[in-house]
C-alpha atoms as a PDB file:
ATOM      1  CA  UNK A   1      94.160 109.847  82.673  1.00  0.00           C
ATOM      2  CA  UNK A   2      97.260 111.381  83.409  1.00  0.00           C
ATOM      3  CA  UNK A   3      96.821 113.759  86.414  1.00  0.00           C
ATOM      4  CA  UNK A   4     100.364 114.826  86.030  1.00  0.00           C
ATOM      5  CA  UNK A   5     100.352 115.739  82.712  1.00  0.00           C
ATOM      6  CA  UNK A   6      97.234 117.656  83.109  1.00  0.00           C
ATOM      7  CA  UNK A   7      98.296 119.348  85.839  1.00  0.00           C
ATOM      8  CA  UNK A   8     101.347 120.543  84.012  1.00  0.00           C
ATOM      9  CA  UNK A   9      99.475 121.514  81.116  1.00  0.00           C
ATOM     10  CA  UNK A  10      96.938 123.743  83.356  1.00  0.00           C
ATOM     11  CA  UNK A  11     100.285 125.222  84.988  1.00  0.00           C
ATOM     12  CA  UNK A  12     101.687 126.070  81.621  1.00  0.00           C
ATOM     13  CA  UNK A  13      98.491 127.630  80.717  1.00  0.00           C
ATOM     14  CA  UNK A  14      98.028 129.728  84.120  1.00  0.00           C
ATOM     15  CA  UNK A  15     101.968 130.828  83.240  1.00  0.00           C
ATOM     16  CA  UNK A  16     100.782 131.991  79.874  1.00  0.00           C
ATOM     17  CA  UNK A  17      97.849 134.093  81.792  1.00  0.00           C
ATOM     18  CA  UNK A  18      99.899 135.630  83.964  1.00  0.00           C
ATOM     19  CA  UNK A  19     102.742 136.517  82.116  1.00  0.00           C
ATOM     20  CA  UNK A  20     100.508 137.533  79.210  1.00  0.00           C
ATOM     21  CA  UNK A  21      98.683 139.955  81.555  1.00  0.00           C
ATOM     22  CA  UNK A  22     101.793 141.571  82.924  1.00  0.00           C
ATOM     23  CA  UNK A  23     102.984 142.214  79.235  1.00  0.00           C
ATOM     24  CA  UNK A  24      99.724 143.843  78.293  1.00  0.00           C
ATOM     25  CA  UNK A  25      99.088 145.448  81.583  1.00  0.00           C
ATOM     26  CA  UNK A  26     102.530 147.062  81.379  1.00  0.00           C
ATOM     27  CA  UNK A  27     101.945 148.148  77.732  1.00  0.00           C
ATOM     28  CA  UNK A  28      98.939 149.739  78.433  1.00  0.00           C
ATOM     29  CA  UNK A  29     100.517 151.688  81.403  1.00  0.00           C
ATOM     30  CA  UNK A  30     103.408 152.703  78.745  1.00  0.00           C
ATOM     31  CA  UNK A  31     100.349 154.390  76.718  1.00  0.00           C
ATOM     32  CA  UNK A  32      98.608 155.939  79.509  1.00  0.00           C
ATOM     33  CA  UNK A  33     102.118 157.734  80.247  1.00  0.00           C
ATOM     34  CA  UNK A  34     102.425 158.954  77.152  1.00  0.00           C
ATOM     35  CA  UNK A  35      99.040 160.612  76.788  1.00  0.00           C
ATOM     36  CA  UNK A  36      97.989 164.528  78.407  1.00  0.00           C
ATOM     37  CA  UNK A  37      94.117 163.682  78.064  1.00  0.00           C
ATOM     38  CA  UNK A  38      92.887 162.848  81.600  1.00  0.00           C
ATOM     39  CA  UNK A  39      90.147 161.038  80.098  1.00  0.00           C
ATOM     40  CA  UNK A  40      92.163 158.866  78.389  1.00  0.00           C
ATOM     41  CA  UNK A  41      94.460 158.218  80.795  1.00  0.00           C
ATOM     42  CA  UNK A  42      91.522 157.194  83.276  1.00  0.00           C
ATOM     43  CA  UNK A  43      90.511 154.595  79.994  1.00  0.00           C
ATOM     44  CA  UNK A  44      94.069 153.051  79.998  1.00  0.00           C
ATOM     45  CA  UNK A  45      94.256 152.907  84.034  1.00  0.00           C
ATOM     46  CA  UNK A  46      91.126 151.119  83.813  1.00  0.00           C
ATOM     47  CA  UNK A  47      92.093 148.796  81.164  1.00  0.00           C
ATOM     48  CA  UNK A  48      95.186 148.031  83.166  1.00  0.00           C
ATOM     49  CA  UNK A  49      92.971 147.300  86.387  1.00  0.00           C
ATOM     50  CA  UNK A  50      91.073 144.977  84.543  1.00  0.00           C
ATOM     51  CA  UNK A  51      93.781 143.164  83.086  1.00  0.00           C
ATOM     52  CA  UNK A  52      95.663 142.957  86.588  1.00  0.00           C
ATOM     53  CA  UNK A  53      91.970 141.336  88.028  1.00  0.00           C
ATOM     54  CA  UNK A  54      91.100 139.181  85.003  1.00  0.00           C
ATOM     55  CA  UNK A  55      94.573 138.037  83.985  1.00  0.00           C
ATOM     56  CA  UNK A  56      97.468 138.811  86.282  1.00  0.00           C
ATOM     57  CA  UNK A  57      96.256 138.204  89.860  1.00  0.00           C
ATOM     58  CA  UNK A  58      94.255 134.832  88.682  1.00  0.00           C
ATOM     59  CA  UNK A  59      96.966 133.660  86.879  1.00  0.00           C
ATOM     60  CA  UNK A  60      99.368 133.938  89.569  1.00  0.00           C
ATOM     61  CA  UNK A  61      97.131 132.233  91.806  1.00  0.00           C
ATOM     62  CA  UNK A  62      96.561 129.370  89.754  1.00  0.00           C
ATOM     63  CA  UNK A  63     100.320 129.459  88.909  1.00  0.00           C
ATOM     64  CA  UNK A  64     101.174 129.029  92.782  1.00  0.00           C
ATOM     65  CA  UNK A  65      98.426 126.148  93.254  1.00  0.00           C
ATOM     66  CA  UNK A  66      99.409 124.246  90.386  1.00  0.00           C
ATOM     67  CA  UNK A  67     102.933 124.597  90.836  1.00  0.00           C
ATOM     68  CA  UNK A  68     102.642 123.260  94.323  1.00  0.00           C
ATOM     69  CA  UNK A  69     100.415 120.438  93.639  1.00  0.00           C
ATOM     70  CA  UNK A  70     102.891 119.499  90.476  1.00  0.00           C
ATOM     71  CA  UNK A  71     105.840 119.607  92.354  1.00  0.00           C
ATOM     72  CA  UNK A  72     104.161 117.145  95.175  1.00  0.00           C
ATOM     73  CA  UNK A  73     102.775 115.188  92.352  1.00  0.00           C
ATOM     74  CA  UNK A  74     106.047 114.640  90.572  1.00  0.00           C
ATOM     75  CA  UNK A  75     108.108 114.405  94.171  1.00  0.00           C
ATOM     76  CA  UNK A  76     110.209 117.411  93.448  1.00  0.00           C
ATOM     77  CA  UNK A  77     112.355 119.193  96.392  1.00  0.00           C
ATOM     78  CA  UNK A  78     110.238 122.663  96.568  1.00  0.00           C
ATOM     79  CA  UNK A  79     112.840 123.255  99.586  1.00  0.00           C
ATOM     80  CA  UNK A  80     115.647 122.066  97.402  1.00  0.00           C
ATOM     81  CA  UNK A  81     119.110 121.693  99.664  1.00  0.00           C
ATOM     82  CA  UNK A  82     117.060 122.673 102.666  1.00  0.00           C
ATOM     83  CA  UNK A  83     115.138 119.200 102.476  1.00  0.00           C
ATOM     84  CA  UNK A  84     118.466 117.211 101.314  1.00  0.00           C
ATOM     85  CA  UNK A  85     118.248 117.376  97.845  1.00  0.00           C
ATOM     86  CA  UNK A  86     120.625 118.007  95.270  1.00  0.00           C
ATOM     87  CA  UNK A  87     118.395 120.151  93.144  1.00  0.00           C
ATOM     88  CA  UNK A  88     117.916 123.958  93.489  1.00  0.00           C
ATOM     89  CA  UNK A  89     116.123 125.610  90.873  1.00  0.00           C
ATOM     90  CA  UNK A  90     112.799 124.912  92.545  1.00  0.00           C
ATOM     91  CA  UNK A  91     113.740 126.835  95.471  1.00  0.00           C
ATOM     92  CA  UNK A  92     115.289 129.675  93.961  1.00  0.00           C
ATOM     93  CA  UNK A  93     112.168 129.976  91.736  1.00  0.00           C
ATOM     94  CA  UNK A  94     110.083 129.880  94.877  1.00  0.00           C
ATOM     95  CA  UNK A  95     112.449 132.627  96.289  1.00  0.00           C
ATOM     96  CA  UNK A  96     112.108 134.853  93.282  1.00  0.00           C
ATOM     97  CA  UNK A  97     108.215 134.439  93.320  1.00  0.00           C
ATOM     98  CA  UNK A  98     108.121 135.564  96.998  1.00  0.00           C
ATOM     99  CA  UNK A  99     109.985 138.614  96.599  1.00  0.00           C
ATOM    100  CA  UNK A 100     107.690 139.189  93.955  1.00  0.00           C
ATOM    101  CA  UNK A 101     104.829 138.692  96.396  1.00  0.00           C
ATOM    102  CA  UNK A 102     106.554 140.740  99.310  1.00  0.00           C
ATOM    103  CA  UNK A 103     105.889 143.750  96.780  1.00  0.00           C
ATOM    104  CA  UNK A 104     101.977 143.631  96.552  1.00  0.00           C
ATOM    105  CA  UNK A 105     101.387 144.317 100.488  1.00  0.00           C
ATOM    106  CA  UNK A 106     104.644 147.037 100.333  1.00  0.00           C
ATOM    107  CA  UNK A 107     104.522 148.635  96.905  1.00  0.00           C
ATOM    108  CA  UNK A 108     101.740 147.660  95.269  1.00  0.00           C
ATOM    109  CA  UNK A 109      98.692 148.103  97.666  1.00  0.00           C
ATOM    110  CA  UNK A 110      99.876 151.145  99.570  1.00  0.00           C
ATOM    111  CA  UNK A 111     100.568 152.910  96.148  1.00  0.00           C
ATOM    112  CA  UNK A 112      97.584 152.313  94.396  1.00  0.00           C
ATOM    113  CA  UNK A 113      95.765 153.531  97.798  1.00  0.00           C
ATOM    114  CA  UNK A 114      97.390 156.748  97.333  1.00  0.00           C
ATOM    115  CA  UNK A 115      97.343 156.638  93.077  1.00  0.00           C
ATOM    116  CA  UNK A 116      93.317 156.389  93.053  1.00  0.00           C
ATOM    117  CA  UNK A 117      92.362 159.792  95.003  1.00  0.00           C
ATOM    118  CA  UNK A 118      95.008 161.713  92.856  1.00  0.00           C
ATOM    119  CA  UNK A 119      93.192 160.019  89.896  1.00  0.00           C
ATOM    120  CA  UNK A 120      90.059 161.237  91.286  1.00  0.00           C
ATOM    121  CA  UNK A 121      91.058 164.280  91.752  1.00  0.00           C
ATOM    122  CA  UNK A 122      92.696 164.917  88.468  1.00  0.00           C
ATOM    123  CA  UNK A 123      89.631 163.717  86.777  1.00  0.00           C
ATOM    124  CA  UNK A 124      87.860 166.337  88.750  1.00  0.00           C
ATOM    125  CA  UNK A 125      90.203 169.078  87.839  1.00  0.00           C
ATOM    126  CA  UNK A 126      90.098 168.043  83.908  1.00  0.00           C
ATOM    127  CA  UNK A 127      93.477 167.648  83.564  1.00  0.00           C
ATOM    128  CA  UNK A 128      96.771 165.236  84.639  1.00  0.00           C
ATOM    129  CA  UNK A 129      97.899 166.853  87.804  1.00  0.00           C
ATOM    130  CA  UNK A 130     101.682 167.184  88.491  1.00  0.00           C
ATOM    131  CA  UNK A 131     100.799 164.992  91.620  1.00  0.00           C
ATOM    132  CA  UNK A 132      99.131 162.264  89.329  1.00  0.00           C
ATOM    133  CA  UNK A 133     102.078 162.646  86.760  1.00  0.00           C
ATOM    134  CA  UNK A 134     104.948 162.241  89.955  1.00  0.00           C
ATOM    135  CA  UNK A 135     102.484 159.181  91.074  1.00  0.00           C
ATOM    136  CA  UNK A 136     102.861 157.734  87.320  1.00  0.00           C
ATOM    137  CA  UNK A 137     106.982 157.808  87.238  1.00  0.00           C
ATOM    138  CA  UNK A 138     107.334 156.264  91.089  1.00  0.00           C
ATOM    139  CA  UNK A 139     110.459 154.646  90.880  1.00  0.00           C
ATOM    140  CA  UNK A 140     109.449 152.177  93.538  1.00  0.00           C
ATOM    141  CA  UNK A 141     106.870 151.167  91.510  1.00  0.00           C
ATOM    142  CA  UNK A 142     109.088 151.151  88.559  1.00  0.00           C
ATOM    143  CA  UNK A 143     111.624 148.999  90.017  1.00  0.00           C
ATOM    144  CA  UNK A 144     108.992 146.763  91.309  1.00  0.00           C
ATOM    145  CA  UNK A 145     107.373 146.131  88.087  1.00  0.00           C
ATOM    146  CA  UNK A 146     110.857 145.380  86.570  1.00  0.00           C
ATOM    147  CA  UNK A 147     111.458 142.799  89.219  1.00  0.00           C
ATOM    148  CA  UNK A 148     108.264 141.081  88.474  1.00  0.00           C
ATOM    149  CA  UNK A 149     109.316 140.980  84.885  1.00  0.00           C
ATOM    150  CA  UNK A 150     112.805 139.667  85.257  1.00  0.00           C
ATOM    151  CA  UNK A 151     111.887 137.343  87.893  1.00  0.00           C
ATOM    152  CA  UNK A 152     109.309 135.761  85.720  1.00  0.00           C
ATOM    153  CA  UNK A 153     111.671 135.558  82.979  1.00  0.00           C
ATOM    154  CA  UNK A 154     114.298 133.983  85.359  1.00  0.00           C
ATOM    155  CA  UNK A 155     111.502 131.431  87.018  1.00  0.00           C
ATOM    156  CA  UNK A 156     110.514 130.669  83.650  1.00  0.00           C
ATOM    157  CA  UNK A 157     114.381 129.821  82.300  1.00  0.00           C
ATOM    158  CA  UNK A 158     114.592 127.865  85.654  1.00  0.00           C
ATOM    159  CA  UNK A 159     111.288 125.993  85.041  1.00  0.00           C
ATOM    160  CA  UNK A 160     112.571 124.902  81.689  1.00  0.00           C
ATOM    161  CA  UNK A 161     116.244 124.598  81.945  1.00  0.00           C
ATOM    162  CA  UNK A 162     116.669 123.115  85.641  1.00  0.00           C
ATOM    163  CA  UNK A 163     119.941 124.392  85.602  1.00  0.00           C
ATOM    164  CA  UNK A 164     120.961 123.306  89.342  1.00  0.00           C
END
């Protein structure tokens, strides 16, 4: 059995799972924003959270672990020019990935902790409140999600094209 090909296959499956989860989660979040029914909104929010916990988080963890293993097996220069290599696409990919990871403790977790009580208060009131609507339209969260989506596309392009 060729371990390199097996790890590469699993890495690609993990990428598909993570990116598919991000796309599905964002589509559900868009639908949630369109509704004025708090129960439907809560259902959409729960579905988006489930996709996050079942696809995005495990997929991203697997991408990172398998990516490091794959780089070590293939002797790819993880740190590019910092380790004296001429290829830097993997270094740029890692920087983009780290940028996305930074948004987890700085944006997603703190905003998520504020969002949940707002959702519960809106459910108790039986309507989407102005505070919940404002949280749904938080520009910082929008920018963090946009970064996540664009960086995934850029990383995928770097992995396939290896331009530098």
